[in-house]
Structure formats: C-alpha cells, structure tokens
C-alpha cells in the first residue's frame, strides 16, 4: 500500500478530539484511511467525520482547512498521509 502526503496538522482540539488539517495535496473523503506521522505520533485511522467552518462535509481538497475527528492525540506539524491501494 502506498502513502501519499495529503496535508499537515495545524492544530489539535483535545476536548473535542479534533485535528485541524491543512490539505496541501489531493482530496480527503469520508472513509479514507489516513496515517498521522510525527515526532511522537504514528497511527492510522479512517475518516469518520469532517467539517469545514463547522459545516459537515464529505470531501475536502487542496487548500481547505478541515477538522477531522481523531481517536488519538496529534500535534502541530504532524504530517498526514492518505493510504492508497
């Protein structure tokens, strides 16, 4: 399975369990498998919900700032990869 860098974490909201991602390349859709990788971060998780400016969306594309629900803590500047078959 290949990994394509899709974006970077710009913020993390611990109380909500939400990562704010800047999409830098390609698109992210609900159901996509994303890998979060950083100095102390390394996990893979499917996208279950996304929001842009507090509005639920099914897809985000390059240039978007999107909030993604995550189960583990992520950190600013962690890289985000999309797992593709």
N, C-alpha and C. Protein backbone atom coordinates (compact mmCIF):
# COMPACT_ATOMS: atom_id res chain seq x y z
N UNK A 1 0.84 -1.19 0.00
CA UNK A 1 0.00 0.00 0.00
C UNK A 1 0.88 1.25 0.00
N UNK A 2 0.52 2.19 -0.83
CA UNK A 2 1.29 3.43 -0.95
C UNK A 2 0.73 4.50 -0.02
N UNK A 3 1.60 5.42 0.36
CA UNK A 3 1.20 6.55 1.20
C UNK A 3 1.53 7.83 0.45
N UNK A 4 0.53 8.68 0.27
CA UNK A 4 0.73 9.98 -0.36
C UNK A 4 0.49 11.05 0.69
N UNK A 5 1.47 11.98 0.85
CA UNK A 5 1.24 13.05 1.81
C UNK A 5 0.10 13.92 1.31
N UNK A 6 -0.89 14.11 2.17
CA UNK A 6 -2.11 14.82 1.81
C UNK A 6 -2.22 16.16 2.53
N UNK A 7 -1.52 16.28 3.67
CA UNK A 7 -1.64 17.52 4.42
C UNK A 7 -0.79 17.52 5.67
N UNK A 8 -1.07 18.52 6.52
CA UNK A 8 -0.32 18.70 7.76
C UNK A 8 -1.28 19.17 8.86
N UNK A 9 -1.01 18.74 10.08
CA UNK A 9 -1.82 19.16 11.23
C UNK A 9 -1.43 20.60 11.60
N UNK A 10 -2.42 21.48 11.71
CA UNK A 10 -2.15 22.86 12.11
C UNK A 10 -2.61 23.14 13.54
N UNK A 11 -3.50 22.29 14.08
CA UNK A 11 -3.97 22.47 15.45
C UNK A 11 -4.64 21.18 15.91
N UNK A 12 -4.76 21.04 17.24
CA UNK A 12 -5.45 19.89 17.81
C UNK A 12 -6.32 20.38 18.96
N UNK A 13 -7.58 20.00 18.93
CA UNK A 13 -8.54 20.39 19.96
C UNK A 13 -8.80 19.17 20.83
N UNK A 14 -8.12 19.11 21.98
CA UNK A 14 -8.15 17.93 22.84
C UNK A 14 -9.55 17.61 23.36
N UNK A 15 -10.29 18.63 23.81
CA UNK A 15 -11.63 18.37 24.36
C UNK A 15 -12.57 17.78 23.33
N UNK A 16 -12.41 18.16 22.08
CA UNK A 16 -13.27 17.66 21.01
C UNK A 16 -12.70 16.41 20.33
N UNK A 17 -11.39 16.19 20.49
CA UNK A 17 -10.73 15.10 19.77
C UNK A 17 -10.72 15.35 18.28
N UNK A 18 -10.41 16.60 17.92
CA UNK A 18 -10.44 17.01 16.51
C UNK A 18 -9.08 17.55 16.10
N UNK A 19 -8.61 17.08 14.95
CA UNK A 19 -7.38 17.60 14.35
C UNK A 19 -7.77 18.58 13.25
N UNK A 20 -7.16 19.77 13.27
CA UNK A 20 -7.34 20.74 12.18
C UNK A 20 -6.24 20.47 11.17
N UNK A 21 -6.63 20.10 9.96
CA UNK A 21 -5.67 19.75 8.91
C UNK A 21 -5.70 20.77 7.80
N UNK A 22 -4.52 21.13 7.30
CA UNK A 22 -4.41 21.93 6.08
C UNK A 22 -4.16 20.94 4.96
N UNK A 23 -5.11 20.82 4.04
CA UNK A 23 -4.96 19.89 2.91
C UNK A 23 -4.05 20.54 1.89
N UNK A 24 -2.91 19.91 1.62
CA UNK A 24 -1.92 20.51 0.71
C UNK A 24 -1.86 19.83 -0.64
N UNK A 25 -2.46 18.63 -0.75
CA UNK A 25 -2.33 17.86 -1.98
C UNK A 25 -3.50 16.88 -2.10
N UNK A 26 -4.17 16.86 -3.23
CA UNK A 26 -5.23 15.88 -3.45
C UNK A 26 -6.51 16.16 -2.68
N UNK A 27 -7.25 15.09 -2.39
CA UNK A 27 -8.53 15.22 -1.69
C UNK A 27 -8.63 14.19 -0.57
N UNK A 28 -9.45 14.52 0.42
CA UNK A 28 -9.78 13.60 1.51
C UNK A 28 -11.29 13.41 1.48
N UNK A 29 -11.72 12.16 1.54
CA UNK A 29 -13.15 11.86 1.58
C UNK A 29 -13.46 11.07 2.85
N UNK A 30 -14.70 11.15 3.30
CA UNK A 30 -15.14 10.33 4.43
C UNK A 30 -14.90 8.87 4.06
N UNK A 31 -14.30 8.12 4.97
CA UNK A 31 -13.99 6.71 4.71
C UNK A 31 -12.55 6.47 4.31
N UNK A 32 -11.82 7.53 3.89
CA UNK A 32 -10.41 7.38 3.52
C UNK A 32 -9.60 6.98 4.74
N UNK A 33 -8.54 6.22 4.52
CA UNK A 33 -7.63 5.81 5.57
C UNK A 33 -6.47 6.79 5.61
N UNK A 34 -6.31 7.48 6.75
CA UNK A 34 -5.25 8.46 6.90
C UNK A 34 -4.24 7.99 7.94
N UNK A 35 -2.96 8.27 7.66
CA UNK A 35 -1.88 7.97 8.61
C UNK A 35 -1.34 9.29 9.13
N UNK A 36 -1.26 9.40 10.45
CA UNK A 36 -0.74 10.59 11.12
C UNK A 36 0.66 10.25 11.60
N UNK A 37 1.66 11.02 11.16
CA UNK A 37 3.05 10.70 11.48
C UNK A 37 3.78 11.95 11.92
N UNK A 38 4.44 11.85 13.07
CA UNK A 38 5.22 12.96 13.58
C UNK A 38 6.29 12.46 14.52
N UNK A 39 6.89 13.37 15.28
CA UNK A 39 7.97 13.01 16.18
C UNK A 39 7.54 11.95 17.19
N UNK A 40 6.35 12.10 17.76
CA UNK A 40 5.84 11.12 18.73
C UNK A 40 4.48 10.55 18.31
N UNK A 41 4.04 10.87 17.11
CA UNK A 41 2.74 10.43 16.61
C UNK A 41 2.95 9.40 15.50
N UNK A 42 2.20 8.31 15.54
CA UNK A 42 2.26 7.32 14.46
C UNK A 42 1.06 6.38 14.59
N UNK A 43 -0.04 6.74 13.90
CA UNK A 43 -1.21 5.86 13.89
C UNK A 43 -1.99 6.07 12.61
N UNK A 44 -2.82 5.08 12.30
CA UNK A 44 -3.64 5.10 11.09
C UNK A 44 -5.10 5.00 11.51
N UNK A 45 -5.95 5.78 10.86
CA UNK A 45 -7.36 5.79 11.22
C UNK A 45 -8.20 6.21 10.01
N UNK A 46 -9.39 5.62 9.90
CA UNK A 46 -10.32 6.00 8.83
C UNK A 46 -11.02 7.31 9.21
N UNK A 47 -11.33 8.12 8.21
CA UNK A 47 -12.04 9.37 8.44
C UNK A 47 -13.51 9.05 8.67
N UNK A 48 -14.02 9.41 9.86
CA UNK A 48 -15.43 9.15 10.16
C UNK A 48 -16.28 10.40 10.03
N UNK A 49 -15.68 11.57 10.32
CA UNK A 49 -16.42 12.82 10.12
C UNK A 49 -15.45 13.96 9.88
N UNK A 50 -15.89 14.90 9.05
CA UNK A 50 -15.09 16.07 8.69
C UNK A 50 -15.98 17.30 8.70
N UNK A 51 -15.38 18.43 9.04
CA UNK A 51 -16.10 19.71 8.99
C UNK A 51 -15.21 20.80 8.43
N UNK A 52 -15.83 21.68 7.68
CA UNK A 52 -15.17 22.91 7.23
C UNK A 52 -16.02 24.05 7.74
N UNK A 53 -15.43 24.91 8.57
CA UNK A 53 -16.12 26.04 9.20
C UNK A 53 -17.42 25.59 9.87
N UNK A 54 -17.32 24.52 10.66
CA UNK A 54 -18.42 23.96 11.47
C UNK A 54 -19.57 23.38 10.65
N UNK A 55 -19.33 23.15 9.36
CA UNK A 55 -20.34 22.53 8.50
C UNK A 55 -19.84 21.15 8.07
N UNK A 56 -20.64 20.10 8.30
CA UNK A 56 -20.21 18.75 7.89
C UNK A 56 -19.99 18.69 6.37
N UNK A 57 -18.91 18.02 5.96
CA UNK A 57 -18.62 17.84 4.54
C UNK A 57 -18.22 16.38 4.30
N UNK A 58 -18.37 15.93 3.07
CA UNK A 58 -17.99 14.57 2.68
C UNK A 58 -16.60 14.55 2.07
N UNK A 59 -16.12 15.73 1.60
CA UNK A 59 -14.84 15.77 0.89
C UNK A 59 -14.15 17.11 1.13
N UNK A 60 -12.81 17.07 1.20
CA UNK A 60 -12.00 18.29 1.30
C UNK A 60 -10.92 18.19 0.24
N UNK A 61 -10.51 19.32 -0.30
CA UNK A 61 -9.49 19.31 -1.35
C UNK A 61 -8.35 20.25 -1.00
N UNK A 62 -7.31 20.22 -1.82
CA UNK A 62 -6.12 21.04 -1.59
C UNK A 62 -6.51 22.49 -1.35
N UNK A 63 -5.95 23.07 -0.29
CA UNK A 63 -6.23 24.45 0.07
C UNK A 63 -7.24 24.59 1.19
N UNK A 64 -7.99 23.51 1.48
CA UNK A 64 -9.00 23.55 2.54
C UNK A 64 -8.37 23.37 3.91
N UNK A 65 -8.97 24.01 4.90
CA UNK A 65 -8.65 23.78 6.31
C UNK A 65 -9.83 23.00 6.87
N UNK A 66 -9.58 21.75 7.27
CA UNK A 66 -10.67 20.85 7.64
C UNK A 66 -10.44 20.27 9.02
N UNK A 67 -11.52 20.11 9.78
CA UNK A 67 -11.47 19.47 11.08
C UNK A 67 -11.84 18.00 10.92
N UNK A 68 -10.98 17.12 11.44
CA UNK A 68 -11.20 15.68 11.32
C UNK A 68 -11.19 15.07 12.72
N UNK A 69 -12.23 14.29 13.03
CA UNK A 69 -12.31 13.60 14.32
C UNK A 69 -11.23 12.53 14.39
N UNK A 70 -10.43 12.54 15.48
CA UNK A 70 -9.38 11.54 15.66
C UNK A 70 -9.48 10.92 17.05
N UNK A 71 -9.05 9.67 17.18
CA UNK A 71 -9.12 8.96 18.45
C UNK A 71 -7.89 9.17 19.31
N UNK A 72 -6.76 9.54 18.68
CA UNK A 72 -5.52 9.75 19.41
C UNK A 72 -5.07 11.20 19.25
N UNK A 73 -4.18 11.62 20.17
CA UNK A 73 -3.66 12.99 20.12
C UNK A 73 -2.72 13.15 18.93
N UNK A 74 -2.88 14.27 18.25
CA UNK A 74 -1.94 14.65 17.19
C UNK A 74 -1.32 15.98 17.59
N UNK A 75 -0.24 16.31 16.92
CA UNK A 75 0.48 17.54 17.26
C UNK A 75 0.66 18.42 16.03
N UNK A 76 0.82 19.71 16.28
CA UNK A 76 1.07 20.65 15.21
C UNK A 76 2.28 20.19 14.40
N UNK A 77 2.19 20.31 13.10
CA UNK A 77 3.24 19.96 12.14
C UNK A 77 3.35 18.45 11.87
N UNK A 78 2.51 17.61 12.52
CA UNK A 78 2.48 16.19 12.15
C UNK A 78 2.06 16.10 10.68
N UNK A 79 2.67 15.20 9.95
CA UNK A 79 2.31 15.01 8.54
C UNK A 79 1.13 14.03 8.46
N UNK A 80 0.30 14.24 7.46
CA UNK A 80 -0.87 13.39 7.26
C UNK A 80 -0.76 12.74 5.88
N UNK A 81 -0.86 11.42 5.85
CA UNK A 81 -0.74 10.67 4.61
C UNK A 81 -2.04 9.94 4.33
N UNK A 82 -2.38 9.84 3.04
CA UNK A 82 -3.54 9.06 2.62
C UNK A 82 -3.03 7.70 2.15
N UNK A 83 -3.61 6.64 2.69
CA UNK A 83 -3.23 5.28 2.31
C UNK A 83 -4.01 4.91 1.06
N UNK A 84 -3.28 4.57 -0.02
CA UNK A 84 -3.94 4.22 -1.28
C UNK A 84 -3.49 2.81 -1.71
N UNK A 85 -4.43 2.07 -2.28
CA UNK A 85 -4.13 0.70 -2.73
C UNK A 85 -3.38 0.70 -4.04
